[in-house]
N, C-alpha and C. Protein backbone atom coordinates (compact mmCIF):
# COMPACT_ATOMS: atom_id res chain seq x y z
N LEU A 1 75.03 111.59 111.22
CA LEU A 1 74.79 112.42 110.05
C LEU A 1 73.42 112.11 109.45
N LEU A 2 73.09 110.81 109.37
CA LEU A 2 71.79 110.44 108.82
C LEU A 2 70.66 110.99 109.69
N LYS A 3 70.79 110.77 111.01
CA LYS A 3 69.75 111.24 111.94
C LYS A 3 69.59 112.76 111.87
N GLU A 4 70.72 113.44 111.76
CA GLU A 4 70.67 114.91 111.67
C GLU A 4 69.91 115.38 110.44
N ASN A 5 69.82 114.51 109.45
CA ASN A 5 69.12 114.85 108.21
C ASN A 5 67.75 114.17 108.12
N GLY A 6 67.23 113.76 109.29
CA GLY A 6 65.88 113.21 109.33
C GLY A 6 65.74 111.78 108.84
N ILE A 7 66.86 111.08 108.70
CA ILE A 7 66.82 109.69 108.23
C ILE A 7 67.00 108.77 109.43
N GLU A 8 66.07 107.83 109.60
CA GLU A 8 66.16 106.89 110.72
C GLU A 8 67.40 106.02 110.54
N ALA A 9 68.18 105.89 111.60
CA ALA A 9 69.43 105.12 111.52
C ALA A 9 69.81 104.61 112.91
N TYR A 10 70.63 103.57 112.93
CA TYR A 10 71.17 103.06 114.18
C TYR A 10 72.53 102.42 113.91
N PHE A 11 73.33 102.32 114.94
CA PHE A 11 74.65 101.70 114.83
C PHE A 11 74.53 100.21 115.09
N SER A 12 74.92 99.41 114.13
CA SER A 12 74.81 97.96 114.30
C SER A 12 76.17 97.28 114.41
N GLY A 13 77.24 98.00 114.25
CA GLY A 13 78.57 97.41 114.38
C GLY A 13 79.04 96.77 113.09
N CYS A 14 79.93 95.83 113.23
CA CYS A 14 80.56 95.18 112.09
C CYS A 14 79.96 93.78 111.90
N MET A 15 79.86 93.35 110.67
CA MET A 15 79.32 92.02 110.37
C MET A 15 80.11 90.91 111.07
N THR A 16 81.39 91.15 111.32
CA THR A 16 82.19 90.09 111.96
C THR A 16 81.73 89.81 113.38
N LEU A 17 80.97 90.71 113.97
CA LEU A 17 80.42 90.47 115.31
C LEU A 17 79.32 89.41 115.29
N THR A 18 78.86 89.03 114.11
CA THR A 18 77.79 88.04 114.00
C THR A 18 78.32 86.64 113.69
N LEU A 19 79.62 86.47 113.63
CA LEU A 19 80.19 85.15 113.33
C LEU A 19 79.80 84.13 114.40
N ASP A 20 79.53 82.91 113.97
CA ASP A 20 79.28 81.81 114.89
C ASP A 20 80.58 81.09 115.18
N LYS A 21 80.66 80.55 116.41
CA LYS A 21 81.84 79.75 116.78
C LYS A 21 81.83 78.46 115.97
N PHE A 22 83.04 77.95 115.71
CA PHE A 22 83.19 76.66 115.06
C PHE A 22 82.95 75.56 116.09
N ASP A 23 82.29 74.50 115.69
CA ASP A 23 82.09 73.35 116.57
C ASP A 23 83.38 72.57 116.71
N GLY A 24 83.59 71.99 117.88
CA GLY A 24 84.71 71.09 118.09
C GLY A 24 86.07 71.75 118.24
N ILE A 25 86.10 73.06 118.44
CA ILE A 25 87.36 73.77 118.60
C ILE A 25 87.60 73.98 120.09
N GLU A 26 88.69 73.44 120.60
CA GLU A 26 89.04 73.58 122.01
C GLU A 26 90.05 74.72 122.18
N LYS A 27 89.92 75.44 123.29
CA LYS A 27 90.88 76.50 123.62
C LYS A 27 92.26 75.89 123.87
N GLU A 28 93.29 76.62 123.48
CA GLU A 28 94.67 76.24 123.73
C GLU A 28 95.34 77.37 124.49
N GLU A 29 96.42 77.07 125.16
CA GLU A 29 97.10 78.07 125.97
C GLU A 29 98.17 78.82 125.17
N TYR A 30 97.73 79.61 124.20
CA TYR A 30 98.66 80.48 123.50
C TYR A 30 98.04 81.85 123.31
N ILE A 31 98.92 82.82 123.22
CA ILE A 31 98.51 84.19 122.92
C ILE A 31 98.79 84.43 121.45
N LEU A 32 97.78 84.89 120.74
CA LEU A 32 97.90 85.17 119.32
C LEU A 32 98.14 86.66 119.12
N LEU A 33 99.27 87.00 118.53
CA LEU A 33 99.60 88.39 118.20
C LEU A 33 99.35 88.57 116.71
N VAL A 34 98.47 89.49 116.38
CA VAL A 34 98.13 89.74 114.98
C VAL A 34 98.65 91.12 114.59
N ASP A 35 99.62 91.14 113.68
CA ASP A 35 100.20 92.39 113.18
C ASP A 35 100.73 93.29 114.29
N VAL A 36 101.43 92.67 115.23
CA VAL A 36 102.02 93.38 116.35
C VAL A 36 103.49 93.66 116.04
N LYS A 37 103.93 94.86 116.35
CA LYS A 37 105.33 95.26 116.12
C LYS A 37 106.30 94.39 116.92
N ASP A 38 107.51 94.26 116.41
CA ASP A 38 108.55 93.45 117.06
C ASP A 38 108.80 93.90 118.50
N GLU A 39 108.81 95.21 118.74
CA GLU A 39 109.09 95.73 120.08
C GLU A 39 108.03 95.28 121.08
N ILE A 40 106.79 95.26 120.63
CA ILE A 40 105.70 94.83 121.50
C ILE A 40 105.80 93.33 121.74
N TYR A 41 106.12 92.59 120.71
CA TYR A 41 106.30 91.14 120.86
C TYR A 41 107.36 90.84 121.93
N GLU A 42 108.46 91.56 121.89
CA GLU A 42 109.55 91.32 122.85
C GLU A 42 109.10 91.58 124.29
N VAL A 43 108.29 92.61 124.50
CA VAL A 43 107.80 92.91 125.84
C VAL A 43 106.78 91.84 126.28
N ILE A 44 105.86 91.51 125.41
CA ILE A 44 104.84 90.50 125.74
C ILE A 44 105.50 89.17 126.08
N LYS A 45 106.53 88.83 125.34
CA LYS A 45 107.26 87.57 125.56
C LYS A 45 107.80 87.50 127.00
N LYS A 46 108.21 88.64 127.54
CA LYS A 46 108.76 88.68 128.90
C LYS A 46 107.66 88.71 129.97
N MET A 47 106.42 88.95 129.56
CA MET A 47 105.32 89.07 130.51
C MET A 47 104.56 87.75 130.72
N THR A 48 104.91 86.73 129.95
CA THR A 48 104.14 85.49 130.01
C THR A 48 105.01 84.26 129.80
N ASN A 49 104.52 83.15 130.30
CA ASN A 49 105.14 81.85 130.01
C ASN A 49 104.35 81.10 128.94
N LYS A 50 103.24 81.69 128.51
CA LYS A 50 102.43 81.06 127.48
C LYS A 50 103.15 81.08 126.14
N LYS A 51 102.80 80.12 125.31
CA LYS A 51 103.30 80.10 123.94
C LYS A 51 102.71 81.32 123.21
N ILE A 52 103.48 81.90 122.33
CA ILE A 52 103.02 83.05 121.56
C ILE A 52 103.09 82.69 120.08
N LYS A 53 102.00 82.96 119.38
CA LYS A 53 101.95 82.78 117.93
C LYS A 53 101.78 84.16 117.31
N ARG A 54 102.56 84.42 116.26
CA ARG A 54 102.46 85.71 115.57
C ARG A 54 102.02 85.47 114.14
N ILE A 55 101.06 86.26 113.71
CA ILE A 55 100.61 86.18 112.33
C ILE A 55 100.39 87.59 111.80
N THR A 56 100.22 87.67 110.49
CA THR A 56 99.93 88.95 109.86
C THR A 56 98.73 88.80 108.93
N ASN A 57 98.00 89.87 108.81
CA ASN A 57 96.92 89.94 107.82
C ASN A 57 97.39 90.60 106.53
N ASN A 58 98.61 91.04 106.53
CA ASN A 58 99.13 91.73 105.34
C ASN A 58 99.34 90.73 104.21
N ARG A 59 98.71 90.99 103.12
CA ARG A 59 98.83 90.14 101.93
C ARG A 59 99.11 91.05 100.74
N LYS A 60 99.76 90.49 99.76
CA LYS A 60 99.95 91.23 98.52
C LYS A 60 98.62 91.18 97.77
N ARG A 61 97.94 92.31 97.76
CA ARG A 61 96.57 92.38 97.25
C ARG A 61 96.42 91.80 95.85
N GLU A 62 97.32 92.14 94.95
CA GLU A 62 97.19 91.66 93.57
C GLU A 62 97.29 90.14 93.50
N GLU A 63 98.23 89.56 94.23
CA GLU A 63 98.38 88.11 94.22
C GLU A 63 97.20 87.43 94.91
N TYR A 64 96.80 87.96 96.04
CA TYR A 64 95.72 87.36 96.82
C TYR A 64 94.40 87.39 96.05
N SER A 65 94.12 88.49 95.38
CA SER A 65 92.85 88.62 94.65
C SER A 65 92.76 87.65 93.48
N LYS A 66 93.88 87.12 93.02
CA LYS A 66 93.87 86.17 91.91
C LYS A 66 93.64 84.72 92.36
N LEU A 67 93.72 84.50 93.68
CA LEU A 67 93.52 83.15 94.19
C LEU A 67 92.07 82.70 94.03
N ASP A 68 91.88 81.42 93.85
CA ASP A 68 90.56 80.83 93.78
C ASP A 68 89.78 81.14 95.06
N TRP A 69 88.47 81.37 94.93
CA TRP A 69 87.64 81.72 96.06
C TRP A 69 87.74 80.67 97.18
N ASN A 70 87.74 79.40 96.85
CA ASN A 70 87.79 78.35 97.87
C ASN A 70 89.11 78.36 98.64
N ILE A 71 90.18 78.72 97.99
CA ILE A 71 91.48 78.84 98.68
C ILE A 71 91.43 80.02 99.64
N ARG A 72 90.91 81.14 99.18
CA ARG A 72 90.79 82.33 100.03
C ARG A 72 89.87 82.05 101.21
N ARG A 73 88.77 81.38 100.96
CA ARG A 73 87.83 81.01 102.03
C ARG A 73 88.52 80.12 103.06
N GLY A 74 89.33 79.19 102.58
CA GLY A 74 90.08 78.31 103.49
C GLY A 74 91.05 79.09 104.36
N TYR A 75 91.71 80.09 103.80
CA TYR A 75 92.61 80.94 104.58
C TYR A 75 91.85 81.66 105.69
N VAL A 76 90.69 82.19 105.34
CA VAL A 76 89.88 82.92 106.32
C VAL A 76 89.42 81.97 107.43
N GLU A 77 88.96 80.79 107.05
CA GLU A 77 88.51 79.82 108.04
C GLU A 77 89.64 79.41 108.97
N ASP A 78 90.82 79.15 108.43
CA ASP A 78 91.99 78.80 109.25
C ASP A 78 92.33 79.93 110.22
N TYR A 79 92.26 81.15 109.73
CA TYR A 79 92.54 82.34 110.54
C TYR A 79 91.55 82.45 111.70
N LEU A 80 90.27 82.28 111.41
CA LEU A 80 89.25 82.38 112.45
C LEU A 80 89.37 81.25 113.46
N LYS A 81 89.74 80.07 113.03
CA LYS A 81 89.94 78.96 113.96
C LYS A 81 91.13 79.22 114.87
N LEU A 82 92.18 79.83 114.33
CA LEU A 82 93.34 80.19 115.13
C LEU A 82 92.94 81.19 116.22
N ILE A 83 92.08 82.14 115.87
CA ILE A 83 91.56 83.10 116.84
C ILE A 83 90.74 82.38 117.91
N GLN A 84 89.85 81.50 117.49
CA GLN A 84 88.96 80.83 118.43
C GLN A 84 89.73 79.95 119.40
N LYS A 85 90.82 79.34 118.96
CA LYS A 85 91.63 78.46 119.83
C LYS A 85 92.45 79.23 120.84
N ALA A 86 92.80 80.46 120.53
CA ALA A 86 93.71 81.25 121.37
C ALA A 86 93.12 81.53 122.74
N SER A 87 94.01 81.65 123.73
CA SER A 87 93.55 82.07 125.05
C SER A 87 93.41 83.59 125.11
N LEU A 88 94.09 84.29 124.20
CA LEU A 88 94.03 85.75 124.11
C LEU A 88 94.54 86.18 122.75
N VAL A 89 93.91 87.20 122.18
CA VAL A 89 94.38 87.84 120.95
C VAL A 89 94.79 89.26 121.31
N ILE A 90 95.97 89.65 120.87
CA ILE A 90 96.44 91.03 121.03
C ILE A 90 96.71 91.57 119.63
N THR A 91 96.10 92.70 119.31
CA THR A 91 96.19 93.21 117.94
C THR A 91 95.85 94.69 117.88
N PRO A 92 96.43 95.40 116.91
CA PRO A 92 95.98 96.77 116.64
C PRO A 92 94.87 96.78 115.59
N ARG A 93 94.53 95.62 115.06
CA ARG A 93 93.56 95.54 113.96
C ARG A 93 92.14 95.32 114.48
N LEU A 94 91.30 96.28 114.20
CA LEU A 94 89.90 96.18 114.60
C LEU A 94 89.26 94.92 114.00
N HIS A 95 89.62 94.59 112.77
CA HIS A 95 89.03 93.44 112.10
C HIS A 95 89.70 92.12 112.48
N SER A 96 90.49 92.15 113.52
CA SER A 96 90.92 90.93 114.21
C SER A 96 90.29 90.93 115.59
N ALA A 97 90.15 92.10 116.17
CA ALA A 97 89.56 92.22 117.51
C ALA A 97 88.08 91.86 117.50
N LEU A 98 87.34 92.34 116.53
CA LEU A 98 85.90 92.10 116.52
C LEU A 98 85.55 90.63 116.28
N PRO A 99 86.20 89.93 115.34
CA PRO A 99 85.94 88.49 115.23
C PRO A 99 86.31 87.74 116.51
N SER A 100 87.30 88.22 117.23
CA SER A 100 87.67 87.59 118.50
C SER A 100 86.49 87.66 119.47
N LEU A 101 85.84 88.81 119.53
CA LEU A 101 84.66 88.95 120.38
C LEU A 101 83.58 87.95 119.99
N ALA A 102 83.31 87.87 118.69
CA ALA A 102 82.26 86.96 118.21
C ALA A 102 82.59 85.50 118.52
N LEU A 103 83.86 85.16 118.46
CA LEU A 103 84.29 83.77 118.69
C LEU A 103 84.59 83.51 120.16
N GLN A 104 84.25 84.47 121.00
CA GLN A 104 84.38 84.38 122.46
C GLN A 104 85.81 84.13 122.91
N THR A 105 86.73 84.80 122.24
CA THR A 105 88.13 84.77 122.62
C THR A 105 88.50 86.12 123.21
N PRO A 106 89.07 86.13 124.41
CA PRO A 106 89.49 87.41 124.99
C PRO A 106 90.41 88.16 124.02
N VAL A 107 90.26 89.47 124.00
CA VAL A 107 91.03 90.28 123.05
C VAL A 107 91.45 91.59 123.71
N LEU A 108 92.66 92.01 123.38
CA LEU A 108 93.19 93.30 123.81
C LEU A 108 93.58 94.07 122.55
N LEU A 109 92.91 95.17 122.32
CA LEU A 109 93.18 96.01 121.15
C LEU A 109 94.26 97.02 121.50
N ILE A 110 95.28 97.08 120.67
CA ILE A 110 96.29 98.14 120.78
C ILE A 110 95.76 99.27 119.92
N ASP A 111 95.30 100.31 120.56
CA ASP A 111 94.63 101.38 119.83
C ASP A 111 95.58 102.53 119.58
N TYR A 112 95.90 102.73 118.32
CA TYR A 112 96.81 103.81 117.93
C TYR A 112 96.07 105.11 117.66
N SER A 113 94.75 105.04 117.66
CA SER A 113 93.97 106.22 117.30
C SER A 113 92.76 106.34 118.22
N LEU A 114 93.01 106.42 119.50
CA LEU A 114 91.92 106.43 120.47
C LEU A 114 90.84 107.44 120.10
N ASN A 115 89.63 106.93 120.13
CA ASN A 115 88.44 107.76 119.93
C ASN A 115 88.36 108.45 118.58
N ASN A 116 88.88 107.82 117.54
CA ASN A 116 88.61 108.39 116.23
C ASN A 116 87.28 107.83 115.71
N ASP A 117 86.82 108.31 114.60
CA ASP A 117 85.52 107.89 114.07
C ASP A 117 85.45 106.39 113.81
N ARG A 118 86.55 105.78 113.47
CA ARG A 118 86.55 104.36 113.11
C ARG A 118 86.48 103.45 114.33
N THR A 119 87.15 103.81 115.41
CA THR A 119 87.24 102.90 116.55
C THR A 119 86.38 103.30 117.75
N SER A 120 86.00 104.55 117.87
CA SER A 120 85.37 105.01 119.11
C SER A 120 84.11 104.23 119.47
N ASP A 121 83.30 103.87 118.50
CA ASP A 121 82.07 103.13 118.81
C ASP A 121 82.36 101.72 119.33
N PHE A 122 83.51 101.17 118.99
CA PHE A 122 83.84 99.80 119.40
C PHE A 122 84.60 99.72 120.72
N LEU A 123 85.17 100.83 121.16
CA LEU A 123 85.99 100.79 122.37
C LEU A 123 85.18 100.39 123.60
N LYS A 124 83.88 100.67 123.60
CA LYS A 124 83.06 100.25 124.74
C LYS A 124 82.89 98.74 124.80
N LEU A 125 83.20 98.04 123.70
CA LEU A 125 83.09 96.58 123.65
C LEU A 125 84.40 95.88 123.98
N LEU A 126 85.50 96.60 123.86
CA LEU A 126 86.83 95.99 123.90
C LEU A 126 87.67 96.49 125.07
N TYR A 127 88.55 95.62 125.55
CA TYR A 127 89.64 96.07 126.39
C TYR A 127 90.68 96.62 125.43
N TYR A 128 91.25 97.74 125.76
CA TYR A 128 92.24 98.32 124.86
C TYR A 128 93.35 98.99 125.66
N THR A 129 94.45 99.17 124.98
CA THR A 129 95.63 99.79 125.56
C THR A 129 96.33 100.58 124.47
N THR A 130 97.43 101.18 124.83
CA THR A 130 98.24 101.89 123.84
C THR A 130 99.59 101.20 123.73
N GLU A 131 100.28 101.48 122.67
CA GLU A 131 101.63 100.95 122.48
C GLU A 131 102.53 101.39 123.63
N GLU A 132 102.40 102.64 124.04
CA GLU A 132 103.24 103.18 125.11
C GLU A 132 103.04 102.43 126.42
N GLU A 133 101.79 102.11 126.75
CA GLU A 133 101.54 101.37 127.98
C GLU A 133 102.23 100.01 127.97
N ILE A 134 102.22 99.36 126.83
CA ILE A 134 102.88 98.05 126.74
C ILE A 134 104.40 98.23 126.82
N LEU A 135 104.94 99.13 126.01
CA LEU A 135 106.40 99.30 125.96
C LEU A 135 106.96 99.79 127.30
N ASN A 136 106.18 100.58 128.03
CA ASN A 136 106.61 101.07 129.34
C ASN A 136 106.22 100.13 130.47
N ARG A 137 105.67 98.98 130.10
CA ARG A 137 105.24 97.95 131.05
C ARG A 137 104.26 98.48 132.08
N LYS A 138 103.34 99.28 131.59
CA LYS A 138 102.29 99.83 132.45
C LYS A 138 100.93 99.30 132.01
N LEU A 139 100.94 98.11 131.47
CA LEU A 139 99.73 97.47 130.99
C LEU A 139 98.82 97.13 132.17
N LYS A 140 97.57 97.56 132.10
CA LYS A 140 96.62 97.34 133.19
C LYS A 140 95.81 96.05 132.98
N TYR A 141 96.02 95.38 131.89
CA TYR A 141 95.29 94.16 131.54
C TYR A 141 96.19 92.96 131.80
N ASP A 142 95.70 91.96 132.50
CA ASP A 142 96.49 90.77 132.82
C ASP A 142 96.43 89.78 131.66
N ILE A 143 97.48 89.71 130.88
CA ILE A 143 97.50 88.84 129.70
C ILE A 143 97.56 87.36 130.08
N ASN A 144 97.93 87.06 131.31
CA ASN A 144 98.00 85.67 131.75
C ASN A 144 96.66 85.15 132.27
N LYS A 145 95.77 86.06 132.64
CA LYS A 145 94.41 85.72 133.07
C LYS A 145 93.45 86.65 132.35
N PRO A 146 93.33 86.48 131.04
CA PRO A 146 92.54 87.43 130.26
C PRO A 146 91.05 87.38 130.59
N LYS A 147 90.45 88.56 130.55
CA LYS A 147 89.01 88.70 130.75
C LYS A 147 88.32 88.43 129.42
N GLU A 148 87.22 87.71 129.48
CA GLU A 148 86.51 87.34 128.24
C GLU A 148 85.97 88.54 127.48
N LYS A 149 85.18 89.36 128.15
CA LYS A 149 84.63 90.53 127.48
C LYS A 149 84.23 91.56 128.51
N LYS A 150 84.04 92.77 128.04
CA LYS A 150 83.60 93.84 128.92
C LYS A 150 82.12 93.67 129.23
N ARG A 151 81.75 94.10 130.41
CA ARG A 151 80.33 94.17 130.74
C ARG A 151 79.82 95.52 130.24
N ILE A 152 78.78 95.48 129.47
CA ILE A 152 78.22 96.72 128.96
C ILE A 152 76.93 97.00 129.72
N ILE A 153 76.91 98.15 130.35
CA ILE A 153 75.75 98.50 131.17
C ILE A 153 74.91 99.52 130.42
């Protein structure tokens, strides 16, 4: 839209793609599911012998916003370290998938809105699937030997 109106512009992505890895964090053999539905968890559980950790980003906004900044910062740091330690992150949340890329953790995005304005620019960076592919066990991505990142040509 900016370019169409004669304004110089470029796509730079999300700030979370610029995160630096934490020092001293070793990979562990677990799959981190972030805000994944119970049905998907049950299927993933049958596809792997790896430990699975489930977390949510859902917070009660009013309560969370009242917390001291240092407490909130600590929560974010713990969350990012959990991502960095994981052998794989599976999530429908773009703002969990993109930090995973920055922290060099393999990630599989469950995309509920393929090629919409919000996600289409990022799909070239991510491995992604649909809920149906997982539930029907037609997943083309090997969760037991996850690929680090896509090659962008």
